[in-house]
């Protein structure tokens, strides 16, 4: 298959706007935080779970800005702990 590993990986998903508590219930496996005018969802997802989250974002009509898969690097800070853009 392609280059995407199907095992769990840490993902950061950035959505335009601030999501309310009710909408965030659609993403129980992800931690949410506000960053500027966006909501950032972070969590460990396998391929199937990632596609499910993306489908839920689409179904809710949310504006997806970015999906980032993090690869482990020794000594690097966890997502959100480094510099802000």
C-alpha atoms as a PDB file:
ATOM      1  CA  UNK A   1       0.000   0.000   0.000  1.00  0.00           C
ATOM      2  CA  UNK A   2       0.912   3.708   0.003  1.00  0.00           C
ATOM      3  CA  UNK A   3       3.311   5.422   2.354  1.00  0.00           C
ATOM      4  CA  UNK A   4       0.785   6.105   5.120  1.00  0.00           C
ATOM      5  CA  UNK A   5       1.245   3.814   8.105  1.00  0.00           C
ATOM      6  CA  UNK A   6      -2.099   2.524   9.409  1.00  0.00           C
ATOM      7  CA  UNK A   7      -0.884   2.337  13.029  1.00  0.00           C
ATOM      8  CA  UNK A   8      -1.864   4.990  15.560  1.00  0.00           C
ATOM      9  CA  UNK A   9      -0.141   8.358  15.282  1.00  0.00           C
ATOM     10  CA  UNK A  10      -0.473  11.715  16.978  1.00  0.00           C
ATOM     11  CA  UNK A  11      -2.535  14.147  14.900  1.00  0.00           C
ATOM     12  CA  UNK A  12      -3.285  17.839  15.228  1.00  0.00           C
ATOM     13  CA  UNK A  13      -6.389  19.034  13.400  1.00  0.00           C
ATOM     14  CA  UNK A  14      -7.029  22.774  13.086  1.00  0.00           C
ATOM     15  CA  UNK A  15     -10.578  24.013  12.511  1.00  0.00           C
ATOM     16  CA  UNK A  16     -11.658  27.575  11.781  1.00  0.00           C
ATOM     17  CA  UNK A  17     -13.562  29.227  14.627  1.00  0.00           C
ATOM     18  CA  UNK A  18     -14.224  28.269  18.222  1.00  0.00           C
ATOM     19  CA  UNK A  19     -16.202  25.062  18.663  1.00  0.00           C
ATOM     20  CA  UNK A  20     -18.748  24.946  21.458  1.00  0.00           C
ATOM     21  CA  UNK A  21     -19.066  22.207  24.054  1.00  0.00           C
ATOM     22  CA  UNK A  22     -21.892  20.475  22.188  1.00  0.00           C
ATOM     23  CA  UNK A  23     -19.940  20.228  18.918  1.00  0.00           C
ATOM     24  CA  UNK A  24     -16.843  19.028  20.778  1.00  0.00           C
ATOM     25  CA  UNK A  25     -18.861  16.029  22.015  1.00  0.00           C
ATOM     26  CA  UNK A  26     -18.545  14.699  18.443  1.00  0.00           C
ATOM     27  CA  UNK A  27     -14.785  14.263  19.035  1.00  0.00           C
ATOM     28  CA  UNK A  28     -14.460  12.337  22.330  1.00  0.00           C
ATOM     29  CA  UNK A  29     -11.034  10.883  21.506  1.00  0.00           C
ATOM     30  CA  UNK A  30      -9.478  14.303  20.944  1.00  0.00           C
ATOM     31  CA  UNK A  31      -8.315  17.052  23.286  1.00  0.00           C
ATOM     32  CA  UNK A  32      -9.478  20.517  22.224  1.00  0.00           C
ATOM     33  CA  UNK A  33      -7.981  23.932  22.818  1.00  0.00           C
ATOM     34  CA  UNK A  34      -8.522  27.391  21.406  1.00  0.00           C
ATOM     35  CA  UNK A  35      -5.640  28.989  19.561  1.00  0.00           C
ATOM     36  CA  UNK A  36      -6.310  32.441  18.181  1.00  0.00           C
ATOM     37  CA  UNK A  37      -9.490  32.236  16.109  1.00  0.00           C
ATOM     38  CA  UNK A  38      -9.221  28.473  15.675  1.00  0.00           C
ATOM     39  CA  UNK A  39      -9.918  25.263  17.543  1.00  0.00           C
ATOM     40  CA  UNK A  40      -7.096  22.733  17.647  1.00  0.00           C
ATOM     41  CA  UNK A  41      -7.961  19.057  18.204  1.00  0.00           C
ATOM     42  CA  UNK A  42      -5.134  16.727  19.202  1.00  0.00           C
ATOM     43  CA  UNK A  43      -5.067  12.991  19.760  1.00  0.00           C
ATOM     44  CA  UNK A  44      -3.745   9.567  18.923  1.00  0.00           C
ATOM     45  CA  UNK A  45      -5.632   8.169  15.915  1.00  0.00           C
ATOM     46  CA  UNK A  46      -5.270   5.233  13.571  1.00  0.00           C
ATOM     47  CA  UNK A  47      -6.233   5.578   9.907  1.00  0.00           C
ATOM     48  CA  UNK A  48      -9.843   4.514  10.434  1.00  0.00           C
ATOM     49  CA  UNK A  49     -10.331   6.899  13.372  1.00  0.00           C
ATOM     50  CA  UNK A  50      -8.751   9.755  11.405  1.00  0.00           C
ATOM     51  CA  UNK A  51     -11.138   9.205   8.490  1.00  0.00           C
ATOM     52  CA  UNK A  52     -14.036   9.097  10.957  1.00  0.00           C
ATOM     53  CA  UNK A  53     -12.998  12.436  12.488  1.00  0.00           C
ATOM     54  CA  UNK A  54     -12.632  13.996   9.031  1.00  0.00           C
ATOM     55  CA  UNK A  55     -16.065  12.684   8.024  1.00  0.00           C
ATOM     56  CA  UNK A  56     -17.577  14.158  11.204  1.00  0.00           C
ATOM     57  CA  UNK A  57     -15.934  17.525  10.484  1.00  0.00           C
ATOM     58  CA  UNK A  58     -17.450  17.442   6.992  1.00  0.00           C
ATOM     59  CA  UNK A  59     -20.880  16.354   8.242  1.00  0.00           C
ATOM     60  CA  UNK A  60     -20.943  19.207  10.757  1.00  0.00           C
ATOM     61  CA  UNK A  61     -20.028  21.711   8.031  1.00  0.00           C
ATOM     62  CA  UNK A  62     -16.869  22.816   9.815  1.00  0.00           C
ATOM     63  CA  UNK A  63     -14.066  24.587   7.963  1.00  0.00           C
ATOM     64  CA  UNK A  64     -11.009  22.303   8.147  1.00  0.00           C
ATOM     65  CA  UNK A  65      -7.772  24.301   7.964  1.00  0.00           C
ATOM     66  CA  UNK A  66      -5.055  21.739   8.600  1.00  0.00           C
ATOM     67  CA  UNK A  67      -4.365  18.112   9.453  1.00  0.00           C
ATOM     68  CA  UNK A  68      -0.871  17.376  10.721  1.00  0.00           C
ATOM     69  CA  UNK A  69       0.564  13.954  11.527  1.00  0.00           C
ATOM     70  CA  UNK A  70       3.368  14.186  14.049  1.00  0.00           C
ATOM     71  CA  UNK A  71       6.312  11.835  13.902  1.00  0.00           C
ATOM     72  CA  UNK A  72       8.106  11.116  17.164  1.00  0.00           C
ATOM     73  CA  UNK A  73      11.425  12.891  17.587  1.00  0.00           C
ATOM     74  CA  UNK A  74      13.465  12.619  20.733  1.00  0.00           C
ATOM     75  CA  UNK A  75      13.824  15.902  22.542  1.00  0.00           C
ATOM     76  CA  UNK A  76      11.076  17.699  20.629  1.00  0.00           C
ATOM     77  CA  UNK A  77       8.241  19.340  22.560  1.00  0.00           C
ATOM     78  CA  UNK A  78       4.711  17.973  22.234  1.00  0.00           C
ATOM     79  CA  UNK A  79       2.430  19.821  19.798  1.00  0.00           C
ATOM     80  CA  UNK A  80       1.293  23.137  21.200  1.00  0.00           C
ATOM     81  CA  UNK A  81       4.243  23.405  23.588  1.00  0.00           C
ATOM     82  CA  UNK A  82       6.554  25.106  21.113  1.00  0.00           C
ATOM     83  CA  UNK A  83       6.480  28.505  19.526  1.00  0.00           C
ATOM     84  CA  UNK A  84       3.226  29.989  18.305  1.00  0.00           C
ATOM     85  CA  UNK A  85       3.064  31.064  14.654  1.00  0.00           C
END
